Amino acid sequence: MQTRPLGRTGIEVSLYCLGSMTWGTQNTEAEGHAQIDAALDAGVNFIDTAEMYPTNPLSAETQGRTEEVIGTWLAKSGRRDDVVLATKVIGDGYAAIRDGGPITPGSIAIAVEDSLRRLKTDYIDLYQLHWPNRGSYHFRQWHGYDPSGQDRAAPNDIAACLEALDALVKAGKVRAIGLSNESAWGTMQFLKIAEANGWPRVASIQNEYSLLCRHYDLDLAELTHHEDVGLLAFSPLATGILSGKYLDGAMPEGSRGSITTGLGGRLTPRVDGVTRAYVELAREHGLDPAQMALAFCAQRPFMTSVIFGARTMDQLSIVLGATELTLSDEVLDGIATIYRADPIPM
């Protein structure tokens, strides 16, 4: 499998990254371990998680279980050096963790220690801020997004968090830092403030990206080119929509859509029509629709790693089958035609 540099850290990560947010609710510990083994056998060296996982559904009772599943695998396998491990500190708004407070130097310190304990490791390779305190246009909030109300003191908040992360890097508990659900302006603030103070440089941005959600193609793609802060794409299958399994109102038992109504606003009649066009394009060229969607993400010039998740081993096999797929110019032209007709379907 191809690898890519994680920013300017010197760390190499596989082009595909194993996501984990179903482990602990939709998947058992044993199933999580089996997925890790299969992914590593296929050349994946990168695992992404978060302190708030699992999702589907989120709950105070299950929070942290996903990290625990990874921790028991690390303890059992003894393969800590074989994986690049990424996790995240949650931001403002989720009451089950630290009363829903914002990311602060204090919450970062607590969250890192809790994650290290659950993961059964003494260091985290990539530690990410799950979303910015000042708010975000991600998760389909761009329709009403208005940054004019943001506090102009936001850089002070960023500086405080960077200083706390610097202490963790110096202590050897964190190797590199990253952002998630961030904007170009926010990322540049992190880069500017870090450079001015000699603090750790942001290595990556974990944002949603798929054939149905391509906001990163614009300002953030330019930032990646100039600043070497690449994308870790989550939901490259648009929460499974691009597999075609939800077409015509279908709702497979046990699927994410059967648990989360509307898939967080993604599942709409308009999306159904665009998805059908992508599925038909894939089939015209003898491709699996999910594999085509994943390969498209992997071929984007700003991509560091494509984060995939699987509920079953059959799903995992389909994803891993995409890791060596390169889309032809003819397929890419077909994707471009569909995209021009409806560039922001959700």
C-alpha atoms as a PDB file:
ATOM      1  CA  MET A   1       0.000   0.000   0.000  1.00  0.00           C
ATOM      2  CA  GLN A   2       1.117   3.539  -0.711  1.00  0.00           C
ATOM      3  CA  THR A   3       2.195   5.742   2.173  1.00  0.00           C
ATOM      4  CA  ARG A   4       2.136   9.504   2.491  1.00  0.00           C
ATOM      5  CA  PRO A   5       4.032  11.903   4.764  1.00  0.00           C
ATOM      6  CA  LEU A   6       2.051  13.199   7.725  1.00  0.00           C
ATOM      7  CA  GLY A   7       2.730  16.884   7.223  1.00  0.00           C
ATOM      8  CA  ARG A   8       6.341  17.727   8.018  1.00  0.00           C
ATOM      9  CA  THR A   9       6.575  15.335  10.976  1.00  0.00           C
ATOM     10  CA  GLY A  10       8.634  12.611   9.294  1.00  0.00           C
ATOM     11  CA  ILE A  11       5.872  10.107  10.103  1.00  0.00           C
ATOM     12  CA  GLU A  12       4.651   7.997   7.153  1.00  0.00           C
ATOM     13  CA  VAL A  13       1.020   6.868   7.138  1.00  0.00           C
ATOM     14  CA  SER A  14      -0.808   4.500   4.821  1.00  0.00           C
ATOM     15  CA  LEU A  15      -3.000   6.076   2.160  1.00  0.00           C
ATOM     16  CA  TYR A  16      -5.959   4.365   3.808  1.00  0.00           C
ATOM     17  CA  CYS A  17      -6.676   4.689   7.549  1.00  0.00           C
ATOM     18  CA  LEU A  18      -8.796   2.327   9.642  1.00  0.00           C
ATOM     19  CA  GLY A  19     -11.633   4.188  11.335  1.00  0.00           C
ATOM     20  CA  SER A  20     -13.058   2.778  14.537  1.00  0.00           C
ATOM     21  CA  MET A  21     -16.191   4.576  15.654  1.00  0.00           C
ATOM     22  CA  THR A  22     -18.446   1.482  15.477  1.00  0.00           C
ATOM     23  CA  TRP A  23     -16.341  -0.527  17.949  1.00  0.00           C
ATOM     24  CA  GLY A  24     -18.157  -0.781  21.246  1.00  0.00           C
ATOM     25  CA  THR A  25     -21.741  -0.450  19.975  1.00  0.00           C
ATOM     26  CA  GLN A  26     -22.167  -1.883  16.472  1.00  0.00           C
ATOM     27  CA  ASN A  27     -19.061  -4.061  16.802  1.00  0.00           C
ATOM     28  CA  THR A  28     -17.763  -6.202  19.644  1.00  0.00           C
ATOM     29  CA  GLU A  29     -14.222  -6.107  20.971  1.00  0.00           C
ATOM     30  CA  ALA A  30     -13.402  -9.315  19.096  1.00  0.00           C
ATOM     31  CA  GLU A  31     -14.719  -7.854  15.844  1.00  0.00           C
ATOM     32  CA  GLY A  32     -12.672  -4.698  16.359  1.00  0.00           C
ATOM     33  CA  HIS A  33      -9.547  -6.779  16.910  1.00  0.00           C
ATOM     34  CA  ALA A  34     -10.264  -8.813  13.766  1.00  0.00           C
ATOM     35  CA  GLN A  35     -10.641  -5.625  11.728  1.00  0.00           C
ATOM     36  CA  ILE A  36      -7.295  -4.314  12.969  1.00  0.00           C
ATOM     37  CA  ASP A  37      -5.564  -7.598  12.113  1.00  0.00           C
ATOM     38  CA  ALA A  38      -7.076  -7.666   8.608  1.00  0.00           C
ATOM     39  CA  ALA A  39      -6.255  -4.034   7.916  1.00  0.00           C
ATOM     40  CA  LEU A  40      -2.632  -4.415   9.014  1.00  0.00           C
ATOM     41  CA  ASP A  41      -2.298  -7.561   6.899  1.00  0.00           C
ATOM     42  CA  ALA A  42      -3.416  -5.440   3.911  1.00  0.00           C
ATOM     43  CA  GLY A  43      -0.746  -2.791   4.572  1.00  0.00           C
ATOM     44  CA  VAL A  44      -2.718  -0.269   6.644  1.00  0.00           C
ATOM     45  CA  ASN A  45      -0.572   1.205   9.428  1.00  0.00           C
ATOM     46  CA  PHE A  46      -2.878   4.043  10.520  1.00  0.00           C
ATOM     47  CA  ILE A  47      -5.790   3.820  13.013  1.00  0.00           C
ATOM     48  CA  ASP A  48      -8.042   6.763  13.893  1.00  0.00           C
ATOM     49  CA  THR A  49     -10.242   7.038  16.963  1.00  0.00           C
ATOM     50  CA  ALA A  50     -11.539   9.643  19.436  1.00  0.00           C
ATOM     51  CA  GLU A  51     -12.369   9.915  23.107  1.00  0.00           C
ATOM     52  CA  MET A  52     -16.078  10.311  22.285  1.00  0.00           C
ATOM     53  CA  TYR A  53     -16.335   7.068  20.271  1.00  0.00           C
ATOM     54  CA  PRO A  54     -18.260   4.874  19.691  1.00  0.00           C
ATOM     55  CA  THR A  55     -21.094   6.653  17.925  1.00  0.00           C
ATOM     56  CA  ASN A  56     -24.311   5.208  16.553  1.00  0.00           C
ATOM     57  CA  PRO A  57     -25.519   6.037  19.095  1.00  0.00           C
ATOM     58  CA  LEU A  58     -23.486   8.364  21.282  1.00  0.00           C
ATOM     59  CA  SER A  59     -23.986   7.800  24.992  1.00  0.00           C
ATOM     60  CA  ALA A  60     -22.298   8.530  28.277  1.00  0.00           C
ATOM     61  CA  GLU A  61     -22.333   4.804  29.077  1.00  0.00           C
ATOM     62  CA  THR A  62     -20.346   3.766  25.990  1.00  0.00           C
ATOM     63  CA  GLN A  63     -18.036   6.797  25.615  1.00  0.00           C
ATOM     64  CA  GLY A  64     -14.404   5.685  25.530  1.00  0.00           C
ATOM     65  CA  ARG A  65     -15.092   2.052  24.652  1.00  0.00           C
ATOM     66  CA  THR A  66     -13.537   2.348  21.207  1.00  0.00           C
ATOM     67  CA  GLU A  67     -10.201   3.431  22.649  1.00  0.00           C
ATOM     68  CA  GLU A  68     -10.477   0.529  25.091  1.00  0.00           C
ATOM     69  CA  VAL A  69     -10.926  -1.931  22.207  1.00  0.00           C
ATOM     70  CA  ILE A  70      -7.761  -0.609  20.583  1.00  0.00           C
ATOM     71  CA  GLY A  71      -5.977  -0.734  23.929  1.00  0.00           C
ATOM     72  CA  THR A  72      -6.752  -4.391  24.510  1.00  0.00           C
ATOM     73  CA  TRP A  73      -5.568  -5.194  20.971  1.00  0.00           C
ATOM     74  CA  LEU A  74      -2.299  -3.355  21.594  1.00  0.00           C
ATOM     75  CA  ALA A  75      -1.806  -5.171  24.897  1.00  0.00           C
ATOM     76  CA  LYS A  76      -2.570  -8.561  23.344  1.00  0.00           C
ATOM     77  CA  SER A  77      -0.620  -8.133  20.117  1.00  0.00           C
ATOM     78  CA  GLY A  78       2.408  -6.208  21.340  1.00  0.00           C
ATOM     79  CA  ARG A  79       2.422  -4.383  17.983  1.00  0.00           C
ATOM     80  CA  ARG A  80       2.443  -0.775  19.173  1.00  0.00           C
ATOM     81  CA  ASP A  81       5.374   0.077  16.902  1.00  0.00           C
ATOM     82  CA  ASP A  82       3.481  -1.210  13.843  1.00  0.00           C
ATOM     83  CA  VAL A  83       0.693   1.373  14.009  1.00  0.00           C
ATOM     84  CA  VAL A  84       0.362   5.127  13.797  1.00  0.00           C
ATOM     85  CA  LEU A  85      -2.348   5.872  16.328  1.00  0.00           C
ATOM     86  CA  ALA A  86      -4.531   8.992  16.103  1.00  0.00           C
ATOM     87  CA  THR A  87      -7.157  10.145  18.580  1.00  0.00           C
ATOM     88  CA  LYS A  88      -9.014  13.375  19.382  1.00  0.00           C
ATOM     89  CA  VAL A  89     -10.061  15.598  22.258  1.00  0.00           C
ATOM     90  CA  ILE A  90     -13.709  16.572  22.026  1.00  0.00           C
ATOM     91  CA  GLY A  91     -14.831  20.176  21.838  1.00  0.00           C
ATOM     92  CA  ASP A  92     -17.709  22.256  23.145  1.00  0.00           C
ATOM     93  CA  GLY A  93     -21.211  20.834  23.118  1.00  0.00           C
ATOM     94  CA  TYR A  94     -21.178  17.148  24.118  1.00  0.00           C
ATOM     95  CA  ALA A  95     -22.472  17.096  27.689  1.00  0.00           C
ATOM     96  CA  ALA A  96     -21.393  13.530  28.464  1.00  0.00           C
ATOM     97  CA  ILE A  97     -17.707  14.518  28.502  1.00  0.00           C
ATOM     98  CA  ARG A  98     -16.463  17.190  30.933  1.00  0.00           C
ATOM     99  CA  ASP A  99     -19.954  18.712  31.070  1.00  0.00           C
ATOM    100  CA  GLY A 100     -19.777  19.759  27.433  1.00  0.00           C
ATOM    101  CA  GLY A 101     -17.112  22.381  28.008  1.00  0.00           C
ATOM    102  CA  PRO A 102     -14.756  23.795  25.365  1.00  0.00           C
ATOM    103  CA  ILE A 103     -11.247  22.612  24.609  1.00  0.00           C
ATOM    104  CA  THR A 104      -8.893  24.238  27.113  1.00  0.00           C
ATOM    105  CA  PRO A 105      -5.349  23.553  28.322  1.00  0.00           C
ATOM    106  CA  GLY A 106      -6.882  21.816  31.332  1.00  0.00           C
ATOM    107  CA  SER A 107      -9.282  19.655  29.317  1.00  0.00           C
ATOM    108  CA  ILE A 108      -6.490  18.670  26.928  1.00  0.00           C
ATOM    109  CA  ALA A 109      -4.323  17.508  29.836  1.00  0.00           C
ATOM    110  CA  ILE A 110      -7.168  15.438  31.315  1.00  0.00           C
ATOM    111  CA  ALA A 111      -8.263  14.002  27.961  1.00  0.00           C
ATOM    112  CA  VAL A 112      -4.765  12.894  26.969  1.00  0.00           C
ATOM    113  CA  GLU A 113      -4.264  11.006  30.225  1.00  0.00           C
ATOM    114  CA  ASP A 114      -7.662   9.323  29.879  1.00  0.00           C
ATOM    115  CA  SER A 115      -6.928   8.317  26.273  1.00  0.00           C
ATOM    116  CA  LEU A 116      -3.476   6.974  27.138  1.00  0.00           C
ATOM    117  CA  ARG A 117      -5.010   4.849  29.899  1.00  0.00           C
ATOM    118  CA  ARG A 118      -7.751   3.438  27.669  1.00  0.00           C
ATOM    119  CA  LEU A 119      -5.364   2.864  24.754  1.00  0.00           C
ATOM    120  CA  LYS A 120      -2.822   1.162  27.040  1.00  0.00           C
ATOM    121  CA  THR A 121       0.050   3.117  25.537  1.00  0.00           C
ATOM    122  CA  ASP A 122       2.420   5.809  26.740  1.00  0.00           C
ATOM    123  CA  TYR A 123       2.235   7.972  23.610  1.00  0.00           C
ATOM    124  CA  ILE A 124      -0.202   9.081  20.911  1.00  0.00           C
ATOM    125  CA  ASP A 125       1.185   9.572  17.416  1.00  0.00           C
ATOM    126  CA  LEU A 126      -1.366  12.178  16.264  1.00  0.00           C
ATOM    127  CA  TYR A 127      -3.496  14.142  18.718  1.00  0.00           C
ATOM    128  CA  GLN A 128      -6.323  16.120  17.101  1.00  0.00           C
ATOM    129  CA  LEU A 129      -8.732  18.841  18.237  1.00  0.00           C
ATOM    130  CA  HIS A 130     -12.120  17.415  17.250  1.00  0.00           C
ATOM    131  CA  TRP A 131     -13.666  20.773  16.307  1.00  0.00           C
ATOM    132  CA  PRO A 132     -12.875  24.442  16.995  1.00  0.00           C
ATOM    133  CA  ASN A 133     -14.260  26.222  20.046  1.00  0.00           C
ATOM    134  CA  ARG A 134     -15.367  29.165  17.929  1.00  0.00           C
ATOM    135  CA  GLY A 135     -17.773  26.997  15.884  1.00  0.00           C
ATOM    136  CA  SER A 136     -17.665  25.290  12.525  1.00  0.00           C
ATOM    137  CA  TYR A 137     -19.453  25.111   9.182  1.00  0.00           C
ATOM    138  CA  HIS A 138     -19.049  21.337   9.055  1.00  0.00           C
ATOM    139  CA  PHE A 139     -21.719  18.691   9.646  1.00  0.00           C
ATOM    140  CA  ARG A 140     -24.047  20.455   7.193  1.00  0.00           C
ATOM    141  CA  GLN A 141     -24.051  23.729   9.132  1.00  0.00           C
ATOM    142  CA  TRP A 142     -22.765  25.786   6.190  1.00  0.00           C
ATOM    143  CA  HIS A 143     -26.259  26.888   5.125  1.00  0.00           C
ATOM    144  CA  GLY A 144     -26.586  29.078   8.210  1.00  0.00           C
ATOM    145  CA  TYR A 145     -22.901  29.614   8.936  1.00  0.00           C
ATOM    146  CA  ASP A 146     -22.088  33.208   9.902  1.00  0.00           C
ATOM    147  CA  PRO A 147     -18.561  33.823  11.233  1.00  0.00           C
ATOM    148  CA  SER A 148     -19.279  37.534  11.806  1.00  0.00           C
ATOM    149  CA  GLY A 149     -20.317  36.738  15.374  1.00  0.00           C
ATOM    150  CA  GLN A 150     -17.075  35.018  16.302  1.00  0.00           C
ATOM    151  CA  ASP A 151     -14.955  36.416  19.101  1.00  0.00           C
ATOM    152  CA  ARG A 152     -11.997  38.269  17.583  1.00  0.00           C
ATOM    153  CA  ALA A 153      -9.922  36.965  20.502  1.00  0.00           C
ATOM    154  CA  ALA A 154     -10.053  33.445  19.021  1.00  0.00           C
ATOM    155  CA  PRO A 155      -6.275  33.453  18.344  1.00  0.00           C
ATOM    156  CA  ASN A 156      -5.696  33.778  22.095  1.00  0.00           C
ATOM    157  CA  ASP A 157      -7.699  30.599  22.612  1.00  0.00           C
ATOM    158  CA  ILE A 158      -5.683  28.870  19.876  1.00  0.00           C
ATOM    159  CA  ALA A 159      -2.413  29.976  21.484  1.00  0.00           C
ATOM    160  CA  ALA A 160      -3.430  28.577  24.861  1.00  0.00           C
ATOM    161  CA  CYS A 161      -4.273  25.200  23.352  1.00  0.00           C
ATOM    162  CA  LEU A 162      -1.054  25.118  21.325  1.00  0.00           C
ATOM    163  CA  GLU A 163       1.018  25.830  24.419  1.00  0.00           C
ATOM    164  CA  ALA A 164      -0.675  22.908  26.203  1.00  0.00           C
ATOM    165  CA  LEU A 165      -0.011  20.631  23.223  1.00  0.00           C
ATOM    166  CA  ASP A 166       3.608  21.762  23.159  1.00  0.00           C
ATOM    167  CA  ALA A 167       4.003  20.592  26.758  1.00  0.00           C
ATOM    168  CA  LEU A 168       2.605  17.178  25.816  1.00  0.00           C
ATOM    169  CA  VAL A 169       4.975  16.859  22.869  1.00  0.00           C
ATOM    170  CA  LYS A 170       7.939  17.786  25.050  1.00  0.00           C
ATOM    171  CA  ALA A 171       6.798  15.222  27.635  1.00  0.00           C
ATOM    172  CA  GLY A 172       6.768  12.521  24.951  1.00  0.00           C
ATOM    173  CA  LYS A 173       3.045  11.836  25.315  1.00  0.00           C
ATOM    174  CA  VAL A 174       2.156  13.186  21.850  1.00  0.00           C
ATOM    175  CA  ARG A 175       4.268  13.014  18.688  1.00  0.00           C
ATOM    176  CA  ALA A 176       2.275  15.300  16.362  1.00  0.00           C
ATOM    177  CA  ILE A 177      -0.863  17.431  16.403  1.00  0.00           C
ATOM    178  CA  GLY A 178      -3.761  17.830  14.017  1.00  0.00           C
ATOM    179  CA  LEU A 179      -7.096  19.584  13.569  1.00  0.00           C
ATOM    180  CA  SER A 180     -10.559  18.366  12.637  1.00  0.00           C
ATOM    181  CA  ASN A 181     -13.605  20.113  11.205  1.00  0.00           C
ATOM    182  CA  GLU A 182     -11.488  23.216  10.671  1.00  0.00           C
ATOM    183  CA  SER A 183     -11.456  26.061   8.168  1.00  0.00           C
ATOM    184  CA  ALA A 184      -8.590  27.556   6.184  1.00  0.00           C
ATOM    185  CA  TRP A 185      -8.505  30.645   8.426  1.00  0.00           C
ATOM    186  CA  GLY A 186      -8.413  28.582  11.600  1.00  0.00           C
ATOM    187  CA  THR A 187      -5.662  26.335  10.291  1.00  0.00           C
ATOM    188  CA  MET A 188      -3.536  29.293   9.271  1.00  0.00           C
ATOM    189  CA  GLN A 189      -3.912  30.770  12.759  1.00  0.00           C
ATOM    190  CA  PHE A 190      -2.566  27.553  14.259  1.00  0.00           C
ATOM    191  CA  LEU A 191       0.359  27.577  11.819  1.00  0.00           C
ATOM    192  CA  LYS A 192       1.180  31.247  12.363  1.00  0.00           C
ATOM    193  CA  ILE A 193       0.993  31.138  16.154  1.00  0.00           C
ATOM    194  CA  ALA A 194       2.982  27.903  16.362  1.00  0.00           C
ATOM    195  CA  GLU A 195       5.751  29.294  14.182  1.00  0.00           C
ATOM    196  CA  ALA A 196       5.970  32.515  16.199  1.00  0.00           C
ATOM    197  CA  ASN A 197       6.367  30.601  19.470  1.00  0.00           C
ATOM    198  CA  GLY A 198       8.317  27.526  18.428  1.00  0.00           C
ATOM    199  CA  TRP A 199       5.350  25.262  19.224  1.00  0.00           C
ATOM    200  CA  PRO A 200       4.292  22.094  17.323  1.00  0.00           C
ATOM    201  CA  ARG A 201       3.163  22.568  13.755  1.00  0.00           C
ATOM    202  CA  VAL A 202      -0.221  21.240  12.658  1.00  0.00           C
ATOM    203  CA  ALA A 203       0.336  18.126  10.549  1.00  0.00           C
ATOM    204  CA  SER A 204      -3.153  17.379   9.205  1.00  0.00           C
ATOM    205  CA  ILE A 205      -6.808  18.343   9.014  1.00  0.00           C
ATOM    206  CA  GLN A 206      -9.492  15.689   9.446  1.00  0.00           C
ATOM    207  CA  ASN A 207     -12.555  16.958   7.573  1.00  0.00           C
ATOM    208  CA  GLU A 208     -15.429  15.296   5.768  1.00  0.00           C
ATOM    209  CA  TYR A 209     -14.708  14.599   2.104  1.00  0.00           C
ATOM    210  CA  SER A 210     -16.427  12.446  -0.504  1.00  0.00           C
ATOM    211  CA  LEU A 211     -17.943  12.595  -3.971  1.00  0.00           C
ATOM    212  CA  LEU A 212     -20.950  14.218  -2.281  1.00  0.00           C
ATOM    213  CA  CYS A 213     -19.051  16.637  -0.020  1.00  0.00           C
ATOM    214  CA  ARG A 214     -16.146  18.433  -1.706  1.00  0.00           C
ATOM    215  CA  HIS A 215     -15.696  21.711   0.177  1.00  0.00           C
ATOM    216  CA  TYR A 216     -12.019  20.877   0.693  1.00  0.00           C
ATOM    217  CA  ASP A 217     -11.401  21.296  -3.054  1.00  0.00           C
ATOM    218  CA  LEU A 218     -11.245  25.075  -2.619  1.00  0.00           C
ATOM    219  CA  ASP A 219      -9.313  27.131  -0.028  1.00  0.00           C
ATOM    220  CA  LEU A 220      -8.177  24.177   2.046  1.00  0.00           C
ATOM    221  CA  ALA A 221      -6.709  22.440  -1.007  1.00  0.00           C
ATOM    222  CA  GLU A 222      -4.629  25.550  -1.640  1.00  0.00           C
ATOM    223  CA  LEU A 223      -3.524  25.553   1.999  1.00  0.00           C
ATOM    224  CA  THR A 224      -2.459  21.897   1.737  1.00  0.00           C
ATOM    225  CA  HIS A 225      -0.359  22.659  -1.327  1.00  0.00           C
ATOM    226  CA  HIS A 226       1.532  25.527   0.245  1.00  0.00           C
ATOM    227  CA  GLU A 227       1.700  24.441   3.896  1.00  0.00           C
ATOM    228  CA  ASP A 228       1.990  20.614   3.755  1.00  0.00           C
ATOM    229  CA  VAL A 229      -1.052  20.146   5.979  1.00  0.00           C
ATOM    230  CA  GLY A 230      -2.881  17.316   4.244  1.00  0.00           C
ATOM    231  CA  LEU A 231      -6.416  16.000   4.514  1.00  0.00           C
ATOM    232  CA  LEU A 232      -7.478  12.982   6.528  1.00  0.00           C
ATOM    233  CA  ALA A 233     -10.848  12.411   4.890  1.00  0.00           C
ATOM    234  CA  PHE A 234     -13.656  11.087   7.047  1.00  0.00           C
ATOM    235  CA  SER A 235     -16.925   9.718   5.617  1.00  0.00           C
ATOM    236  CA  PRO A 236     -15.426   9.070   2.145  1.00  0.00           C
ATOM    237  CA  LEU A 237     -18.515   6.957   1.424  1.00  0.00           C
ATOM    238  CA  ALA A 238     -20.818   9.669   2.813  1.00  0.00           C
ATOM    239  CA  THR A 239     -21.773   7.374   5.738  1.00  0.00           C
ATOM    240  CA  GLY A 240     -22.356   4.508   3.325  1.00  0.00           C
ATOM    241  CA  ILE A 241     -24.617   6.382   0.910  1.00  0.00           C
ATOM    242  CA  LEU A 242     -22.166   6.071  -1.996  1.00  0.00           C
ATOM    243  CA  SER A 243     -22.287   2.279  -1.799  1.00  0.00           C
ATOM    244  CA  GLY A 244     -25.819   2.596  -3.167  1.00  0.00           C
ATOM    245  CA  LYS A 245     -27.349   0.621  -0.305  1.00  0.00           C
ATOM    246  CA  TYR A 246     -29.859   3.374   0.599  1.00  0.00           C
ATOM    247  CA  LEU A 247     -31.165   3.988  -2.930  1.00  0.00           C
ATOM    248  CA  ASP A 248     -34.947   4.014  -3.431  1.00  0.00           C
ATOM    249  CA  GLY A 249     -35.571   4.273   0.288  1.00  0.00           C
ATOM    250  CA  ALA A 250     -33.817   1.013   1.194  1.00  0.00           C
ATOM    251  CA  MET A 251     -32.748   0.746   4.835  1.00  0.00           C
ATOM    252  CA  PRO A 252     -30.567  -2.301   5.538  1.00  0.00           C
ATOM    253  CA  GLU A 253     -31.014  -3.776   9.002  1.00  0.00           C
ATOM    254  CA  GLY A 254     -28.196  -2.837  11.364  1.00  0.00           C
ATOM    255  CA  SER A 255     -26.896  -0.091   9.056  1.00  0.00           C
ATOM    256  CA  ARG A 256     -25.958   3.340  10.312  1.00  0.00           C
ATOM    257  CA  GLY A 257     -29.016   4.755   8.584  1.00  0.00           C
ATOM    258  CA  SER A 258     -31.263   2.436  10.609  1.00  0.00           C
ATOM    259  CA  ILE A 259     -29.813   3.909  13.819  1.00  0.00           C
ATOM    260  CA  THR A 260     -29.281   7.585  12.894  1.00  0.00           C
ATOM    261  CA  THR A 261     -32.363   9.032  11.195  1.00  0.00           C
ATOM    262  CA  GLY A 262     -31.451  10.782   7.954  1.00  0.00           C
ATOM    263  CA  LEU A 263     -27.729  10.160   8.525  1.00  0.00           C
ATOM    264  CA  GLY A 264     -27.203  13.588  10.026  1.00  0.00           C
ATOM    265  CA  GLY A 265     -29.064  15.390   7.231  1.00  0.00           C
ATOM    266  CA  ARG A 266     -27.203  13.602   4.441  1.00  0.00           C
ATOM    267  CA  LEU A 267     -29.970  11.291   3.255  1.00  0.00           C
ATOM    268  CA  THR A 268     -32.284  13.403   1.084  1.00  0.00           C
ATOM    269  CA  PRO A 269     -34.106  12.911  -2.240  1.00  0.00           C
ATOM    270  CA  ARG A 270     -31.581  15.183  -3.926  1.00  0.00           C
ATOM    271  CA  VAL A 271     -28.680  13.123  -2.644  1.00  0.00           C
ATOM    272  CA  ASP A 272     -30.447   9.980  -3.817  1.00  0.00           C
ATOM    273  CA  GLY A 273     -30.431  11.249  -7.394  1.00  0.00           C
ATOM    274  CA  VAL A 274     -26.760  12.234  -7.432  1.00  0.00           C
ATOM    275  CA  THR A 275     -25.779   8.984  -5.746  1.00  0.00           C
ATOM    276  CA  ARG A 276     -27.625   7.018  -8.418  1.00  0.00           C
ATOM    277  CA  ALA A 277     -25.574   8.781 -11.084  1.00  0.00           C
ATOM    278  CA  TYR A 278     -22.303   7.808  -9.368  1.00  0.00           C
ATOM    279  CA  VAL A 279     -23.453   4.228  -8.816  1.00  0.00           C
ATOM    280  CA  GLU A 280     -24.454   3.897 -12.475  1.00  0.00           C
ATOM    281  CA  LEU A 281     -21.126   5.362 -13.600  1.00  0.00           C
ATOM    282  CA  ALA A 282     -19.238   2.807 -11.506  1.00  0.00           C
ATOM    283  CA  ARG A 283     -21.257  -0.086 -12.889  1.00  0.00           C
ATOM    284  CA  GLU A 284     -20.796   1.109 -16.462  1.00  0.00           C
ATOM    285  CA  HIS A 285     -17.058   0.676 -15.933  1.00  0.00           C
ATOM    286  CA  GLY A 286     -17.281  -2.615 -14.064  1.00  0.00           C
ATOM    287  CA  LEU A 287     -16.409  -1.043 -10.719  1.00  0.00           C
ATOM    288  CA  ASP A 288     -17.864  -1.469  -7.269  1.00  0.00           C
ATOM    289  CA  PRO A 289     -19.483   1.911  -6.403  1.00  0.00           C
ATOM    290  CA  ALA A 290     -17.908   2.040  -2.946  1.00  0.00           C
ATOM    291  CA  GLN A 291     -14.464   1.228  -4.306  1.00  0.00           C
ATOM    292  CA  MET A 292     -14.804   3.923  -6.977  1.00  0.00           C
ATOM    293  CA  ALA A 293     -15.753   6.495  -4.331  1.00  0.00           C
ATOM    294  CA  LEU A 294     -12.799   5.558  -2.137  1.00  0.00           C
ATOM    295  CA  ALA A 295     -10.318   5.522  -5.007  1.00  0.00           C
ATOM    296  CA  PHE A 296     -11.475   8.980  -6.094  1.00  0.00           C
ATOM    297  CA  CYS A 297     -10.650  10.351  -2.651  1.00  0.00           C
ATOM    298  CA  ALA A 298      -7.277   8.598  -2.615  1.00  0.00           C
ATOM    299  CA  GLN A 299      -6.307  10.183  -5.946  1.00  0.00           C
ATOM    300  CA  ARG A 300      -6.938  13.755  -4.817  1.00  0.00           C
ATOM    301  CA  PRO A 301      -3.638  15.716  -4.700  1.00  0.00           C
ATOM    302  CA  PHE A 302      -4.227  17.034  -1.168  1.00  0.00           C
ATOM    303  CA  MET A 303      -4.996  13.645   0.386  1.00  0.00           C
ATOM    304  CA  THR A 304      -2.843  12.294   3.195  1.00  0.00           C
ATOM    305  CA  SER A 305      -5.103   9.387   4.149  1.00  0.00           C
ATOM    306  CA  VAL A 306      -8.672   8.196   3.517  1.00  0.00           C
ATOM    307  CA  ILE A 307     -10.394   7.088   6.735  1.00  0.00           C
ATOM    308  CA  PHE A 308     -12.753   4.179   6.228  1.00  0.00           C
ATOM    309  CA  GLY A 309     -14.971   2.296   8.632  1.00  0.00           C
ATOM    310  CA  ALA A 310     -16.643  -1.082   8.364  1.00  0.00           C
ATOM    311  CA  ARG A 311     -19.375  -2.770  10.347  1.00  0.00           C
ATOM    312  CA  THR A 312     -18.736  -6.236   8.910  1.00  0.00           C
ATOM    313  CA  MET A 313     -15.735  -8.119   7.582  1.00  0.00           C
ATOM    314  CA  ASP A 314     -17.437  -8.298   4.178  1.00  0.00           C
ATOM    315  CA  GLN A 315     -17.574  -4.493   4.122  1.00  0.00           C
ATOM    316  CA  LEU A 316     -13.947  -4.339   5.187  1.00  0.00           C
ATOM    317  CA  SER A 317     -12.969  -6.658   2.329  1.00  0.00           C
ATOM    318  CA  ILE A 318     -14.666  -4.345  -0.175  1.00  0.00           C
ATOM    319  CA  VAL A 319     -12.802  -1.332   1.220  1.00  0.00           C
ATOM    320  CA  LEU A 320      -9.443  -3.080   1.227  1.00  0.00           C
ATOM    321  CA  GLY A 321     -10.087  -4.092  -2.372  1.00  0.00           C
ATOM    322  CA  ALA A 322     -10.036  -0.393  -3.285  1.00  0.00           C
ATOM    323  CA  THR A 323      -6.568   0.254  -1.918  1.00  0.00           C
ATOM    324  CA  GLU A 324      -4.776  -0.645  -5.155  1.00  0.00           C
ATOM    325  CA  LEU A 325      -7.427   0.751  -7.516  1.00  0.00           C
ATOM    326  CA  THR A 326      -6.546   3.669  -9.807  1.00  0.00           C
ATOM    327  CA  LEU A 327      -9.418   5.307 -11.671  1.00  0.00           C
ATOM    328  CA  SER A 328      -9.042   5.820 -15.401  1.00  0.00           C
ATOM    329  CA  ASP A 329      -9.293   9.211 -17.086  1.00  0.00           C
ATOM    330  CA  GLU A 330     -12.614   8.090 -18.529  1.00  0.00           C
ATOM    331  CA  VAL A 331     -14.046   7.406 -15.078  1.00  0.00           C
ATOM    332  CA  LEU A 332     -12.658  10.687 -13.735  1.00  0.00           C
ATOM    333  CA  ASP A 333     -14.259  12.538 -16.654  1.00  0.00           C
ATOM    334  CA  GLY A 334     -17.588  10.907 -15.800  1.00  0.00           C
ATOM    335  CA  ILE A 335     -17.230  11.990 -12.170  1.00  0.00           C
ATOM    336  CA  ALA A 336     -16.455  15.541 -13.279  1.00  0.00           C
ATOM    337  CA  THR A 337     -19.611  15.629 -15.420  1.00  0.00           C
ATOM    338  CA  ILE A 338     -21.801  14.546 -12.508  1.00  0.00           C
ATOM    339  CA  TYR A 339     -20.072  16.989 -10.170  1.00  0.00           C
ATOM    340  CA  ARG A 340     -20.606  19.979 -12.480  1.00  0.00           C
ATOM    341  CA  ALA A 341     -24.333  19.215 -12.633  1.00  0.00           C
ATOM    342  CA  ASP A 342     -24.710  19.241  -8.825  1.00  0.00           C
ATOM    343  CA  PRO A 343     -21.541  20.180  -6.921  1.00  0.00           C
ATOM    344  CA  ILE A 344     -23.059  20.507  -3.417  1.00  0.00           C
ATOM    345  CA  PRO A 345     -25.874  17.952  -3.132  1.00  0.00           C
ATOM    346  CA  MET A 346     -25.848  17.762   0.670  1.00  0.00           C
END
